[in-house]
Amino acid sequence: MIIIPMEKNLFMKLRLKKKNENLDEIEKKIIQILETKIRPAVARDGGDIKFKEFKDGKVKVEMQGSCSGCPSSTMTLKQGVENMLKHYIPEVNEVIPV
């Protein structure tokens, strides 16, 4: 069976929605910002970013694709991702790659 991109995207959104039911409000905001503002920009460079955990003000994310192992990914995390999350969500203090 071949899945066209639109169906796959819908499947991922439904899966994410079900997963989000177990998250608190801050985690939902983090995921929303990652999905709408950060992930598209990272994808343009052939990479991806996945939310892993939020605890004690620290957001753990996994860099994938061309971002994993890229020397610039540390700068992207600190100057891009971390600054944006801190701007929109004051509870975020730091972004850490896992």
PDB file of N, CA and C in Angstrom:
ATOM      1  N   MET A   1       0.842  -1.173   0.000  1.00  0.00           N
ATOM      2  CA  MET A   1       0.000   0.000   0.000  1.00  0.00           C
ATOM      3  C   MET A   1       0.892   1.243   0.000  1.00  0.00           C
ATOM      4  N   ILE A   2       0.570   2.178  -0.844  1.00  0.00           N
ATOM      5  CA  ILE A   2       1.324   3.421  -0.931  1.00  0.00           C
ATOM      6  C   ILE A   2       0.560   4.508  -0.183  1.00  0.00           C
ATOM      7  N   ILE A   3       1.268   5.221   0.670  1.00  0.00           N
ATOM      8  CA  ILE A   3       0.660   6.315   1.416  1.00  0.00           C
ATOM      9  C   ILE A   3       1.097   7.617   0.776  1.00  0.00           C
ATOM     10  N   ILE A   4       0.137   8.412   0.345  1.00  0.00           N
ATOM     11  CA  ILE A   4       0.511   9.708  -0.220  1.00  0.00           C
ATOM     12  C   ILE A   4       0.819  10.668   0.922  1.00  0.00           C
ATOM     13  N   PRO A   5       1.638  11.665   0.689  1.00  0.00           N
ATOM     14  CA  PRO A   5       2.077  12.555   1.765  1.00  0.00           C
ATOM     15  C   PRO A   5       0.949  13.144   2.610  1.00  0.00           C
ATOM     16  N   MET A   6      -0.157  13.535   1.983  1.00  0.00           N
ATOM     17  CA  MET A   6      -1.239  14.140   2.748  1.00  0.00           C
ATOM     18  C   MET A   6      -1.791  13.157   3.784  1.00  0.00           C
ATOM     19  N   GLU A   7      -1.997  11.889   3.380  1.00  0.00           N
ATOM     20  CA  GLU A   7      -2.505  10.882   4.308  1.00  0.00           C
ATOM     21  C   GLU A   7      -1.497  10.605   5.411  1.00  0.00           C
ATOM     22  N   LYS A   8      -0.243  10.529   5.050  1.00  0.00           N
ATOM     23  CA  LYS A   8       0.794  10.282   6.044  1.00  0.00           C
ATOM     24  C   LYS A   8       0.834  11.429   7.045  1.00  0.00           C
ATOM     25  N   ASN A   9       0.741  12.659   6.548  1.00  0.00           N
ATOM     26  CA  ASN A   9       0.749  13.825   7.418  1.00  0.00           C
ATOM     27  C   ASN A   9      -0.448  13.785   8.367  1.00  0.00           C
ATOM     28  N   LEU A  10      -1.612  13.407   7.873  1.00  0.00           N
ATOM     29  CA  LEU A  10      -2.809  13.295   8.702  1.00  0.00           C
ATOM     30  C   LEU A  10      -2.615  12.219   9.761  1.00  0.00           C
ATOM     31  N   PHE A  11      -2.051  11.086   9.355  1.00  0.00           N
ATOM     32  CA  PHE A  11      -1.777   9.997  10.308  1.00  0.00           C
ATOM     33  C   PHE A  11      -0.849  10.477  11.418  1.00  0.00           C
ATOM     34  N   MET A  12       0.203  11.218  11.073  1.00  0.00           N
ATOM     35  CA  MET A  12       1.146  11.713  12.071  1.00  0.00           C
ATOM     36  C   MET A  12       0.462  12.705  13.013  1.00  0.00           C
ATOM     37  N   LYS A  13      -0.411  13.558  12.491  1.00  0.00           N
ATOM     38  CA  LYS A  13      -1.112  14.517  13.334  1.00  0.00           C
ATOM     39  C   LYS A  13      -2.036  13.801  14.316  1.00  0.00           C
ATOM     40  N   LEU A  14      -2.727  12.773  13.845  1.00  0.00           N
ATOM     41  CA  LEU A  14      -3.615  12.015  14.732  1.00  0.00           C
ATOM     42  C   LEU A  14      -2.813  11.299  15.812  1.00  0.00           C
ATOM     43  N   ARG A  15      -1.682  10.736  15.415  1.00  0.00           N
ATOM     44  CA  ARG A  15      -0.814  10.057  16.378  1.00  0.00           C
ATOM     45  C   ARG A  15      -0.277  11.042  17.407  1.00  0.00           C
ATOM     46  N   LEU A  16       0.137  12.217  16.948  1.00  0.00           N
ATOM     47  CA  LEU A  16       0.649  13.253  17.830  1.00  0.00           C
ATOM     48  C   LEU A  16      -0.453  13.747  18.767  1.00  0.00           C
ATOM     49  N   LYS A  17      -1.682  13.880  18.243  1.00  0.00           N
ATOM     50  CA  LYS A  17      -2.800  14.325  19.067  1.00  0.00           C
ATOM     51  C   LYS A  17      -3.048  13.341  20.206  1.00  0.00           C
ATOM     52  N   LYS A  18      -3.046  12.053  19.901  1.00  0.00           N
ATOM     53  CA  LYS A  18      -3.266  11.042  20.937  1.00  0.00           C
ATOM     54  C   LYS A  18      -2.130  11.089  21.964  1.00  0.00           C
ATOM     55  N   LYS A  19      -0.901  11.230  21.502  1.00  0.00           N
ATOM     56  CA  LYS A  19       0.251  11.300  22.396  1.00  0.00           C
ATOM     57  C   LYS A  19       0.173  12.543  23.275  1.00  0.00           C
ATOM     58  N   ASN A  20      -0.306  13.656  22.717  1.00  0.00           N
ATOM     59  CA  ASN A  20      -0.388  14.919  23.443  1.00  0.00           C
ATOM     60  C   ASN A  20      -1.395  14.887  24.577  1.00  0.00           C
ATOM     61  N   GLU A  21      -2.342  13.963  24.543  1.00  0.00           N
ATOM     62  CA  GLU A  21      -3.340  13.888  25.602  1.00  0.00           C
ATOM     63  C   GLU A  21      -2.702  13.614  26.952  1.00  0.00           C
ATOM     64  N   ASN A  22      -1.528  13.022  26.978  1.00  0.00           N
ATOM     65  CA  ASN A  22      -0.839  12.692  28.219  1.00  0.00           C
ATOM     66  C   ASN A  22       0.164  13.765  28.642  1.00  0.00           C
ATOM     67  N   LEU A  23       0.258  14.855  27.907  1.00  0.00           N
ATOM     68  CA  LEU A  23       1.241  15.891  28.187  1.00  0.00           C
ATOM     69  C   LEU A  23       0.605  17.039  28.954  1.00  0.00           C
ATOM     70  N   ASP A  24       1.430  17.764  29.729  1.00  0.00           N
ATOM     71  CA  ASP A  24       0.909  18.944  30.400  1.00  0.00           C
ATOM     72  C   ASP A  24       0.909  20.125  29.425  1.00  0.00           C
ATOM     73  N   GLU A  25       0.370  21.254  29.872  1.00  0.00           N
ATOM     74  CA  GLU A  25       0.200  22.412  28.993  1.00  0.00           C
ATOM     75  C   GLU A  25       1.524  22.965  28.460  1.00  0.00           C
ATOM     76  N   ILE A  26       2.551  23.005  29.283  1.00  0.00           N
ATOM     77  CA  ILE A  26       3.853  23.512  28.833  1.00  0.00           C
ATOM     78  C   ILE A  26       4.416  22.618  27.737  1.00  0.00           C
ATOM     79  N   GLU A  27       4.335  21.313  27.924  1.00  0.00           N
ATOM     80  CA  GLU A  27       4.837  20.381  26.904  1.00  0.00           C
ATOM     81  C   GLU A  27       4.050  20.532  25.608  1.00  0.00           C
ATOM     82  N   LYS A  28       2.764  20.754  25.697  1.00  0.00           N
ATOM     83  CA  LYS A  28       1.956  20.957  24.492  1.00  0.00           C
ATOM     84  C   LYS A  28       2.393  22.218  23.752  1.00  0.00           C
ATOM     85  N   LYS A  29       2.679  23.281  24.503  1.00  0.00           N
ATOM     86  CA  LYS A  29       3.154  24.527  23.882  1.00  0.00           C
ATOM     87  C   LYS A  29       4.508  24.309  23.209  1.00  0.00           C
ATOM     88  N   ILE A  30       5.401  23.581  23.884  1.00  0.00           N
ATOM     89  CA  ILE A  30       6.724  23.300  23.318  1.00  0.00           C
ATOM     90  C   ILE A  30       6.575  22.556  21.999  1.00  0.00           C
ATOM     91  N   ILE A  31       5.760  21.525  21.995  1.00  0.00           N
ATOM     92  CA  ILE A  31       5.558  20.725  20.781  1.00  0.00           C
ATOM     93  C   ILE A  31       4.944  21.573  19.675  1.00  0.00           C
ATOM     94  N   GLN A  32       3.987  22.411  20.029  1.00  0.00           N
ATOM     95  CA  GLN A  32       3.351  23.264  19.029  1.00  0.00           C
ATOM     96  C   GLN A  32       4.375  24.197  18.373  1.00  0.00           C
ATOM     97  N   ILE A  33       5.230  24.800  19.163  1.00  0.00           N
ATOM     98  CA  ILE A  33       6.251  25.704  18.618  1.00  0.00           C
ATOM     99  C   ILE A  33       7.262  24.928  17.780  1.00  0.00           C
ATOM    100  N   LEU A  34       7.685  23.766  18.270  1.00  0.00           N
ATOM    101  CA  LEU A  34       8.609  22.939  17.495  1.00  0.00           C
ATOM    102  C   LEU A  34       7.990  22.570  16.149  1.00  0.00           C
ATOM    103  N   GLU A  35       6.731  22.157  16.153  1.00  0.00           N
ATOM    104  CA  GLU A  35       6.063  21.696  14.934  1.00  0.00           C
ATOM    105  C   GLU A  35       5.781  22.823  13.940  1.00  0.00           C
ATOM    106  N   THR A  36       5.402  23.995  14.452  1.00  0.00           N
ATOM    107  CA  THR A  36       4.958  25.055  13.547  1.00  0.00           C
ATOM    108  C   THR A  36       6.041  26.056  13.169  1.00  0.00           C
ATOM    109  N   LYS A  37       6.977  26.315  14.053  1.00  0.00           N
ATOM    110  CA  LYS A  37       7.964  27.366  13.797  1.00  0.00           C
ATOM    111  C   LYS A  37       9.381  26.854  13.553  1.00  0.00           C
ATOM    112  N   ILE A  38       9.772  25.803  14.258  1.00  0.00           N
ATOM    113  CA  ILE A  38      11.164  25.354  14.205  1.00  0.00           C
ATOM    114  C   ILE A  38      11.371  24.214  13.221  1.00  0.00           C
ATOM    115  N   ARG A  39      10.524  23.214  13.296  1.00  0.00           N
ATOM    116  CA  ARG A  39      10.699  22.023  12.455  1.00  0.00           C
ATOM    117  C   ARG A  39      10.731  22.333  10.958  1.00  0.00           C
ATOM    118  N   PRO A  40       9.844  23.198  10.447  1.00  0.00           N
ATOM    119  CA  PRO A  40       9.918  23.508   9.005  1.00  0.00           C
ATOM    120  C   PRO A  40      11.255  24.128   8.595  1.00  0.00           C
ATOM    121  N   ALA A  41      11.804  24.984   9.433  1.00  0.00           N
ATOM    122  CA  ALA A  41      13.097  25.610   9.111  1.00  0.00           C
ATOM    123  C   ALA A  41      14.218  24.579   9.132  1.00  0.00           C
ATOM    124  N   VAL A  42      14.206  23.697  10.101  1.00  0.00           N
ATOM    125  CA  VAL A  42      15.225  22.646  10.194  1.00  0.00           C
ATOM    126  C   VAL A  42      15.092  21.688   9.005  1.00  0.00           C
ATOM    127  N   ALA A  43      13.852  21.398   8.607  1.00  0.00           N
ATOM    128  CA  ALA A  43      13.609  20.476   7.487  1.00  0.00           C
ATOM    129  C   ALA A  43      14.138  21.033   6.172  1.00  0.00           C
ATOM    130  N   ARG A  44      14.143  22.348   6.024  1.00  0.00           N
ATOM    131  CA  ARG A  44      14.674  22.947   4.787  1.00  0.00           C
ATOM    132  C   ARG A  44      16.152  22.641   4.599  1.00  0.00           C
ATOM    133  N   ASP A  45      16.847  22.364   5.701  1.00  0.00           N
ATOM    134  CA  ASP A  45      18.264  22.006   5.626  1.00  0.00           C
ATOM    135  C   ASP A  45      18.476  20.493   5.664  1.00  0.00           C
ATOM    136  N   GLY A  46      17.381  19.732   5.538  1.00  0.00           N
ATOM    137  CA  GLY A  46      17.495  18.273   5.497  1.00  0.00           C
ATOM    138  C   GLY A  46      17.520  17.613   6.859  1.00  0.00           C
ATOM    139  N   GLY A  47      17.155  18.341   7.889  1.00  0.00           N
ATOM    140  CA  GLY A  47      17.175  17.773   9.237  1.00  0.00           C
ATOM    141  C   GLY A  47      15.795  17.653   9.832  1.00  0.00           C
ATOM    142  N   ASP A  48      15.764  17.237  11.071  1.00  0.00           N
ATOM    143  CA  ASP A  48      14.517  17.117  11.810  1.00  0.00           C
ATOM    144  C   ASP A  48      14.814  17.289  13.292  1.00  0.00           C
ATOM    145  N   ILE A  49      13.807  17.670  14.048  1.00  0.00           N
ATOM    146  CA  ILE A  49      13.954  17.840  15.480  1.00  0.00           C
ATOM    147  C   ILE A  49      12.746  17.211  16.159  1.00  0.00           C
ATOM    148  N   LYS A  50      12.992  16.422  17.184  1.00  0.00           N
ATOM    149  CA  LYS A  50      11.928  15.709  17.899  1.00  0.00           C
ATOM    150  C   LYS A  50      11.975  16.056  19.376  1.00  0.00           C
ATOM    151  N   PHE A  51      10.808  16.364  19.935  1.00  0.00           N
ATOM    152  CA  PHE A  51      10.682  16.610  21.364  1.00  0.00           C
ATOM    153  C   PHE A  51      10.821  15.294  22.113  1.00  0.00           C
ATOM    154  N   LYS A  52      11.598  15.302  23.185  1.00  0.00           N
ATOM    155  CA  LYS A  52      11.777  14.101  24.001  1.00  0.00           C
ATOM    156  C   LYS A  52      11.238  14.276  25.411  1.00  0.00           C
ATOM    157  N   GLU A  53      11.565  15.435  26.060  1.00  0.00           N
ATOM    158  CA  GLU A  53      11.183  15.583  27.456  1.00  0.00           C
ATOM    159  C   GLU A  53      11.290  17.041  27.896  1.00  0.00           C
ATOM    160  N   PHE A  54      10.443  17.415  28.852  1.00  0.00           N
ATOM    161  CA  PHE A  54      10.567  18.703  29.525  1.00  0.00           C
ATOM    162  C   PHE A  54      10.536  18.441  31.022  1.00  0.00           C
ATOM    163  N   LYS A  55      11.614  18.854  31.694  1.00  0.00           N
ATOM    164  CA  LYS A  55      11.716  18.622  33.135  1.00  0.00           C
ATOM    165  C   LYS A  55      12.630  19.680  33.741  1.00  0.00           C
ATOM    166  N   ASP A  56      12.170  20.288  34.825  1.00  0.00           N
ATOM    167  CA  ASP A  56      12.961  21.289  35.559  1.00  0.00           C
ATOM    168  C   ASP A  56      13.474  22.412  34.659  1.00  0.00           C
ATOM    169  N   GLY A  57      12.646  22.873  33.738  1.00  0.00           N
ATOM    170  CA  GLY A  57      13.028  23.974  32.861  1.00  0.00           C
ATOM    171  C   GLY A  57      13.888  23.580  31.675  1.00  0.00           C
ATOM    172  N   LYS A  58      14.216  22.296  31.572  1.00  0.00           N
ATOM    173  CA  LYS A  58      15.084  21.826  30.480  1.00  0.00           C
ATOM    174  C   LYS A  58      14.270  21.038  29.461  1.00  0.00           C
ATOM    175  N   VAL A  59      14.430  21.436  28.201  1.00  0.00           N
ATOM    176  CA  VAL A  59      13.772  20.747  27.096  1.00  0.00           C
ATOM    177  C   VAL A  59      14.806  19.854  26.431  1.00  0.00           C
ATOM    178  N   LYS A  60      14.499  18.569  26.347  1.00  0.00           N
ATOM    179  CA  LYS A  60      15.390  17.638  25.654  1.00  0.00           C
ATOM    180  C   LYS A  60      14.801  17.345  24.281  1.00  0.00           C
ATOM    181  N   VAL A  61      15.646  17.503  23.271  1.00  0.00           N
ATOM    182  CA  VAL A  61      15.240  17.254  21.889  1.00  0.00           C
ATOM    183  C   VAL A  61      16.264  16.354  21.214  1.00  0.00           C
ATOM    184  N   GLU A  62      15.811  15.681  20.181  1.00  0.00           N
ATOM    185  CA  GLU A  62      16.707  14.841  19.388  1.00  0.00           C
ATOM    186  C   GLU A  62      16.812  15.442  17.996  1.00  0.00           C
ATOM    187  N   MET A  63      18.030  15.722  17.587  1.00  0.00           N
ATOM    188  CA  MET A  63      18.291  16.224  16.241  1.00  0.00           C
ATOM    189  C   MET A  63      18.482  15.021  15.323  1.00  0.00           C
ATOM    190  N   GLN A  64      17.824  15.038  14.168  1.00  0.00           N
ATOM    191  CA  GLN A  64      17.889  13.907  13.243  1.00  0.00           C
ATOM    192  C   GLN A  64      18.234  14.383  11.845  1.00  0.00           C
ATOM    193  N   GLY A  65      18.447  13.436  10.966  1.00  0.00           N
ATOM    194  CA  GLY A  65      18.766  13.757   9.578  1.00  0.00           C
ATOM    195  C   GLY A  65      20.114  14.439   9.474  1.00  0.00           C
ATOM    196  N   SER A  66      20.201  15.436   8.606  1.00  0.00           N
ATOM    197  CA  SER A  66      21.479  16.112   8.404  1.00  0.00           C
ATOM    198  C   SER A  66      21.903  16.915   9.632  1.00  0.00           C
ATOM    199  N   CYS A  67      20.984  17.122  10.589  1.00  0.00           N
ATOM    200  CA  CYS A  67      21.327  17.874  11.808  1.00  0.00           C
ATOM    201  C   CYS A  67      22.109  17.027  12.816  1.00  0.00           C
ATOM    202  N   SER A  68      21.910  15.728  12.787  1.00  0.00           N
ATOM    203  CA  SER A  68      22.630  14.899  13.755  1.00  0.00           C
ATOM    204  C   SER A  68      24.098  14.838  13.359  1.00  0.00           C
ATOM    205  N   GLY A  69      24.940  15.235  14.263  1.00  0.00           N
ATOM    206  CA  GLY A  69      26.375  15.229  13.999  1.00  0.00           C
ATOM    207  C   GLY A  69      26.889  16.466  13.292  1.00  0.00           C
ATOM    208  N   CYS A  70      26.009  17.374  12.924  1.00  0.00           N
ATOM    209  CA  CYS A  70      26.436  18.598  12.242  1.00  0.00           C
ATOM    210  C   CYS A  70      27.005  19.578  13.270  1.00  0.00           C
ATOM    211  N   PRO A  71      28.184  20.132  13.017  1.00  0.00           N
ATOM    212  CA  PRO A  71      28.779  21.071  13.969  1.00  0.00           C
ATOM    213  C   PRO A  71      27.904  22.309  14.216  1.00  0.00           C
ATOM    214  N   SER A  72      27.124  22.706  13.235  1.00  0.00           N
ATOM    215  CA  SER A  72      26.269  23.890  13.384  1.00  0.00           C
ATOM    216  C   SER A  72      25.013  23.616  14.205  1.00  0.00           C
ATOM    217  N   SER A  73      24.704  22.351  14.459  1.00  0.00           N
ATOM    218  CA  SER A  73      23.468  22.041  15.173  1.00  0.00           C
ATOM    219  C   SER A  73      23.483  22.573  16.602  1.00  0.00           C
ATOM    220  N   THR A  74      24.646  22.660  17.231  1.00  0.00           N
ATOM    221  CA  THR A  74      24.738  23.215  18.580  1.00  0.00           C
ATOM    222  C   THR A  74      24.355  24.695  18.561  1.00  0.00           C
ATOM    223  N   MET A  75      24.837  25.411  17.582  1.00  0.00           N
ATOM    224  CA  MET A  75      24.498  26.829  17.453  1.00  0.00           C
ATOM    225  C   MET A  75      23.015  26.985  17.134  1.00  0.00           C
ATOM    226  N   THR A  76      22.491  26.134  16.264  1.00  0.00           N
ATOM    227  CA  THR A  76      21.065  26.167  15.923  1.00  0.00           C
ATOM    228  C   THR A  76      20.229  25.946  17.169  1.00  0.00           C
ATOM    229  N   LEU A  77      20.636  24.975  17.991  1.00  0.00           N
ATOM    230  CA  LEU A  77      19.893  24.696  19.225  1.00  0.00           C
ATOM    231  C   LEU A  77      19.915  25.885  20.172  1.00  0.00           C
ATOM    232  N   LYS A  78      21.069  26.442  20.424  1.00  0.00           N
ATOM    233  CA  LYS A  78      21.201  27.508  21.415  1.00  0.00           C
ATOM    234  C   LYS A  78      20.643  28.843  20.907  1.00  0.00           C
ATOM    235  N   GLN A  79      21.046  29.261  19.722  1.00  0.00           N
ATOM    236  CA  GLN A  79      20.653  30.579  19.241  1.00  0.00           C
ATOM    237  C   GLN A  79      19.280  30.585  18.577  1.00  0.00           C
ATOM    238  N   GLY A  80      18.871  29.449  18.058  1.00  0.00           N
ATOM    239  CA  GLY A  80      17.573  29.396  17.384  1.00  0.00           C
ATOM    240  C   GLY A  80      16.486  28.790  18.245  1.00  0.00           C
ATOM    241  N   VAL A  81      16.598  27.507  18.481  1.00  0.00           N
ATOM    242  CA  VAL A  81      15.557  26.763  19.190  1.00  0.00           C
ATOM    243  C   VAL A  81      15.392  27.256  20.622  1.00  0.00           C
ATOM    244  N   GLU A  82      16.479  27.333  21.357  1.00  0.00           N
ATOM    245  CA  GLU A  82      16.399  27.736  22.766  1.00  0.00           C
ATOM    246  C   GLU A  82      15.849  29.156  22.900  1.00  0.00           C
ATOM    247  N   ASN A  83      16.344  30.074  22.113  1.00  0.00           N
ATOM    248  CA  ASN A  83      15.865  31.453  22.202  1.00  0.00           C
ATOM    249  C   ASN A  83      14.380  31.566  21.867  1.00  0.00           C
ATOM    250  N   MET A  84      13.934  30.850  20.846  1.00  0.00           N
ATOM    251  CA  MET A  84      12.530  30.913  20.475  1.00  0.00           C
ATOM    252  C   MET A  84      11.636  30.315  21.556  1.00  0.00           C
ATOM    253  N   LEU A  85      12.032  29.157  22.082  1.00  0.00           N
ATOM    254  CA  LEU A  85      11.227  28.539  23.140  1.00  0.00           C
ATOM    255  C   LEU A  85      11.186  29.425  24.384  1.00  0.00           C
ATOM    256  N   LYS A  86      12.312  30.024  24.744  1.00  0.00           N
ATOM    257  CA  LYS A  86      12.342  30.930  25.906  1.00  0.00           C
ATOM    258  C   LYS A  86      11.452  32.143  25.681  1.00  0.00           C
ATOM    259  N   HIS A  87      11.426  32.627  24.458  1.00  0.00           N
ATOM    260  CA  HIS A  87      10.610  33.797  24.126  1.00  0.00           C
ATOM    261  C   HIS A  87       9.125  33.500  24.340  1.00  0.00           C
ATOM    262  N   TYR A  88       8.669  32.357  23.855  1.00  0.00           N
ATOM    263  CA  TYR A  88       7.245  32.016  23.922  1.00  0.00           C
ATOM    264  C   TYR A  88       6.847  31.332  25.232  1.00  0.00           C
ATOM    265  N   ILE A  89       7.791  30.673  25.872  1.00  0.00           N
ATOM    266  CA  ILE A  89       7.488  29.896  27.080  1.00  0.00           C
ATOM    267  C   ILE A  89       8.507  30.238  28.158  1.00  0.00           C
ATOM    268  N   PRO A  90       8.164  31.129  29.078  1.00  0.00           N
ATOM    269  CA  PRO A  90       9.110  31.570  30.105  1.00  0.00           C
ATOM    270  C   PRO A  90       9.625  30.447  31.013  1.00  0.00           C
ATOM    271  N   GLU A  91       8.894  29.362  31.103  1.00  0.00           N
ATOM    272  CA  GLU A  91       9.318  28.243  31.954  1.00  0.00           C
ATOM    273  C   GLU A  91      10.523  27.494  31.398  1.00  0.00           C
ATOM    274  N   VAL A  92      10.822  27.705  30.122  1.00  0.00           N
ATOM    275  CA  VAL A  92      11.972  27.035  29.489  1.00  0.00           C
ATOM    276  C   VAL A  92      13.247  27.795  29.835  1.00  0.00           C
ATOM    277  N   ASN A  93      14.229  27.092  30.378  1.00  0.00           N
ATOM    278  CA  ASN A  93      15.522  27.672  30.722  1.00  0.00           C
ATOM    279  C   ASN A  93      16.652  27.234  29.796  1.00  0.00           C
ATOM    280  N   GLU A  94      16.502  26.033  29.226  1.00  0.00           N
ATOM    281  CA  GLU A  94      17.608  25.471  28.447  1.00  0.00           C
ATOM    282  C   GLU A  94      17.063  24.398  27.502  1.00  0.00           C
ATOM    283  N   VAL A  95      17.740  24.249  26.357  1.00  0.00           N
ATOM    284  CA  VAL A  95      17.431  23.164  25.413  1.00  0.00           C
ATOM    285  C   VAL A  95      18.664  22.299  25.307  1.00  0.00           C
ATOM    286  N   ILE A  96      18.459  20.993  25.471  1.00  0.00           N
ATOM    287  CA  ILE A  96      19.576  20.040  25.507  1.00  0.00           C
ATOM    288  C   ILE A  96      19.362  18.970  24.428  1.00  0.00           C
ATOM    289  N   PRO A  97      20.389  18.693  23.617  1.00  0.00           N
ATOM    290  CA  PRO A  97      20.273  17.590  22.650  1.00  0.00           C
ATOM    291  C   PRO A  97      20.487  16.247  23.335  1.00  0.00           C
ATOM    292  N   VAL A  98      19.750  15.242  22.902  1.00  0.00           N
ATOM    293  CA  VAL A  98      19.951  13.884  23.442  1.00  0.00           C
ATOM    294  C   VAL A  98      20.316  12.933  22.327  1.00  0.00           C
TER     295      VAL A  98
END
